[in-house]
C-alpha cells in the first residue's frame, strides 16, 4: 500500500515539474515591445546667446513642459505594458 502512495507522489511531482517547465517556456516567449522612440528624446531649451532673459525663460519653460509631458506619456506606456505582463501571469 505504501508503495502505491509513494508512486502517486512521484507522478504528482513529475506533473508539477512539467507544468512548471511549460509555464517557464511561456514566460520566456513573452517579449517587450520596442520602447517608443519619443521616450528617448532629449529636450533643449533653444535659448540663444544674447536673448533677453524673459524670452530665455519662456523658451526654457516650454522645453520643460515638453519634457514633463513626455515623461507622463512614457510612464503611462510602461504602466500599461507592465499591467499586461502582470495580468498574463495569473
C-alpha atoms as a PDB file:
ATOM      1  CA  UNK A   1       0.000   0.000   0.000  1.00  0.00           C
ATOM      2  CA  UNK A   2       2.746   2.466   0.915  1.00  0.00           C
ATOM      3  CA  UNK A   3       4.473   1.727  -2.386  1.00  0.00           C
ATOM      4  CA  UNK A   4       1.327   2.755  -4.239  1.00  0.00           C
ATOM      5  CA  UNK A   5       1.192   6.015  -2.287  1.00  0.00           C
ATOM      6  CA  UNK A   6       4.845   6.785  -2.964  1.00  0.00           C
ATOM      7  CA  UNK A   7       4.453   6.147  -6.676  1.00  0.00           C
ATOM      8  CA  UNK A   8       1.484   8.504  -6.765  1.00  0.00           C
ATOM      9  CA  UNK A   9       3.653  11.259  -5.263  1.00  0.00           C
ATOM     10  CA  UNK A  10       6.224  10.654  -7.970  1.00  0.00           C
ATOM     11  CA  UNK A  11       3.548  11.157 -10.605  1.00  0.00           C
ATOM     12  CA  UNK A  12       2.371  14.394  -8.987  1.00  0.00           C
ATOM     13  CA  UNK A  13       5.952  15.660  -8.774  1.00  0.00           C
ATOM     14  CA  UNK A  14       6.515  14.877 -12.435  1.00  0.00           C
ATOM     15  CA  UNK A  15       3.311  16.657 -13.389  1.00  0.00           C
ATOM     16  CA  UNK A  16       4.256  19.691 -11.278  1.00  0.00           C
ATOM     17  CA  UNK A  17       7.698  19.812 -12.864  1.00  0.00           C
ATOM     18  CA  UNK A  18       6.192  19.540 -16.349  1.00  0.00           C
ATOM     19  CA  UNK A  19       3.710  22.309 -15.560  1.00  0.00           C
ATOM     20  CA  UNK A  20       6.494  24.483 -14.163  1.00  0.00           C
ATOM     21  CA  UNK A  21       8.596  23.880 -17.249  1.00  0.00           C
ATOM     22  CA  UNK A  22       5.675  24.769 -19.534  1.00  0.00           C
ATOM     23  CA  UNK A  23       4.985  27.950 -17.542  1.00  0.00           C
ATOM     24  CA  UNK A  24       8.648  28.899 -17.778  1.00  0.00           C
ATOM     25  CA  UNK A  25       8.645  28.377 -21.539  1.00  0.00           C
ATOM     26  CA  UNK A  26       5.543  30.531 -21.949  1.00  0.00           C
ATOM     27  CA  UNK A  27       7.062  33.319 -19.837  1.00  0.00           C
ATOM     28  CA  UNK A  28      10.283  33.158 -21.836  1.00  0.00           C
ATOM     29  CA  UNK A  29       8.337  33.653 -25.070  1.00  0.00           C
ATOM     30  CA  UNK A  30       6.970  36.980 -23.868  1.00  0.00           C
ATOM     31  CA  UNK A  31       8.939  39.914 -25.120  1.00  0.00           C
ATOM     32  CA  UNK A  32       8.602  43.609 -24.574  1.00  0.00           C
ATOM     33  CA  UNK A  33       7.545  45.782 -27.485  1.00  0.00           C
ATOM     34  CA  UNK A  34      10.066  48.328 -28.719  1.00  0.00           C
ATOM     35  CA  UNK A  35      10.452  51.314 -26.429  1.00  0.00           C
ATOM     36  CA  UNK A  36       8.802  54.343 -28.070  1.00  0.00           C
ATOM     37  CA  UNK A  37      11.395  56.443 -29.883  1.00  0.00           C
ATOM     38  CA  UNK A  38       9.849  59.598 -28.446  1.00  0.00           C
ATOM     39  CA  UNK A  39      10.644  58.395 -24.913  1.00  0.00           C
ATOM     40  CA  UNK A  40      14.382  58.566 -25.627  1.00  0.00           C
ATOM     41  CA  UNK A  41      14.270  62.109 -26.979  1.00  0.00           C
ATOM     42  CA  UNK A  42      16.018  64.866 -25.046  1.00  0.00           C
ATOM     43  CA  UNK A  43      14.856  68.455 -24.925  1.00  0.00           C
ATOM     44  CA  UNK A  44      16.871  71.586 -25.462  1.00  0.00           C
ATOM     45  CA  UNK A  45      15.659  74.988 -24.434  1.00  0.00           C
ATOM     46  CA  UNK A  46      16.755  76.691 -27.621  1.00  0.00           C
ATOM     47  CA  UNK A  47      17.961  79.741 -25.718  1.00  0.00           C
ATOM     48  CA  UNK A  48      20.379  81.773 -27.811  1.00  0.00           C
ATOM     49  CA  UNK A  49      23.259  83.892 -26.608  1.00  0.00           C
ATOM     50  CA  UNK A  50      22.218  87.486 -26.095  1.00  0.00           C
ATOM     51  CA  UNK A  51      18.461  86.835 -25.890  1.00  0.00           C
ATOM     52  CA  UNK A  52      16.549  88.822 -23.286  1.00  0.00           C
ATOM     53  CA  UNK A  53      16.031  86.879 -20.067  1.00  0.00           C
ATOM     54  CA  UNK A  54      12.244  86.898 -20.363  1.00  0.00           C
ATOM     55  CA  UNK A  55      12.474  85.216 -23.796  1.00  0.00           C
ATOM     56  CA  UNK A  56      15.036  82.740 -22.446  1.00  0.00           C
ATOM     57  CA  UNK A  57      12.722  81.931 -19.541  1.00  0.00           C
ATOM     58  CA  UNK A  58       9.776  81.334 -21.891  1.00  0.00           C
ATOM     59  CA  UNK A  59      11.850  79.032 -24.113  1.00  0.00           C
ATOM     60  CA  UNK A  60      13.116  77.093 -21.103  1.00  0.00           C
ATOM     61  CA  UNK A  61       9.619  76.788 -19.659  1.00  0.00           C
ATOM     62  CA  UNK A  62       8.277  75.397 -22.966  1.00  0.00           C
ATOM     63  CA  UNK A  63      11.115  72.862 -23.142  1.00  0.00           C
ATOM     64  CA  UNK A  64      10.414  71.786 -19.572  1.00  0.00           C
ATOM     65  CA  UNK A  65       6.707  71.420 -20.378  1.00  0.00           C
ATOM     66  CA  UNK A  66       7.513  69.198 -23.390  1.00  0.00           C
ATOM     67  CA  UNK A  67       9.894  67.077 -21.312  1.00  0.00           C
ATOM     68  CA  UNK A  68       7.372  66.628 -18.481  1.00  0.00           C
ATOM     69  CA  UNK A  69       4.614  65.700 -20.944  1.00  0.00           C
ATOM     70  CA  UNK A  70       6.931  63.094 -22.474  1.00  0.00           C
ATOM     71  CA  UNK A  71       7.724  61.626 -19.045  1.00  0.00           C
ATOM     72  CA  UNK A  72       3.998  61.245 -18.369  1.00  0.00           C
ATOM     73  CA  UNK A  73       3.371  59.584 -21.771  1.00  0.00           C
ATOM     74  CA  UNK A  74       6.272  57.178 -21.332  1.00  0.00           C
ATOM     75  CA  UNK A  75       5.298  56.328 -17.758  1.00  0.00           C
ATOM     76  CA  UNK A  76       1.740  55.631 -18.928  1.00  0.00           C
ATOM     77  CA  UNK A  77       3.084  53.388 -21.701  1.00  0.00           C
ATOM     78  CA  UNK A  78       5.254  51.486 -19.213  1.00  0.00           C
ATOM     79  CA  UNK A  79       2.393  51.118 -16.716  1.00  0.00           C
ATOM     80  CA  UNK A  80       0.144  49.712 -19.442  1.00  0.00           C
ATOM     81  CA  UNK A  81       2.810  47.231 -20.595  1.00  0.00           C
ATOM     82  CA  UNK A  82       3.662  46.070 -17.072  1.00  0.00           C
ATOM     83  CA  UNK A  83      -0.023  45.641 -16.226  1.00  0.00           C
ATOM     84  CA  UNK A  84      -0.412  43.456 -19.313  1.00  0.00           C
ATOM     85  CA  UNK A  85       2.523  41.288 -18.260  1.00  0.00           C
ATOM     86  CA  UNK A  86       1.246  41.029 -14.698  1.00  0.00           C
ATOM     87  CA  UNK A  87      -2.215  40.117 -15.961  1.00  0.00           C
ATOM     88  CA  UNK A  88      -0.795  37.314 -18.097  1.00  0.00           C
ATOM     89  CA  UNK A  89       0.875  35.649 -15.113  1.00  0.00           C
ATOM     90  CA  UNK A  90      -2.273  34.608 -13.273  1.00  0.00           C
END
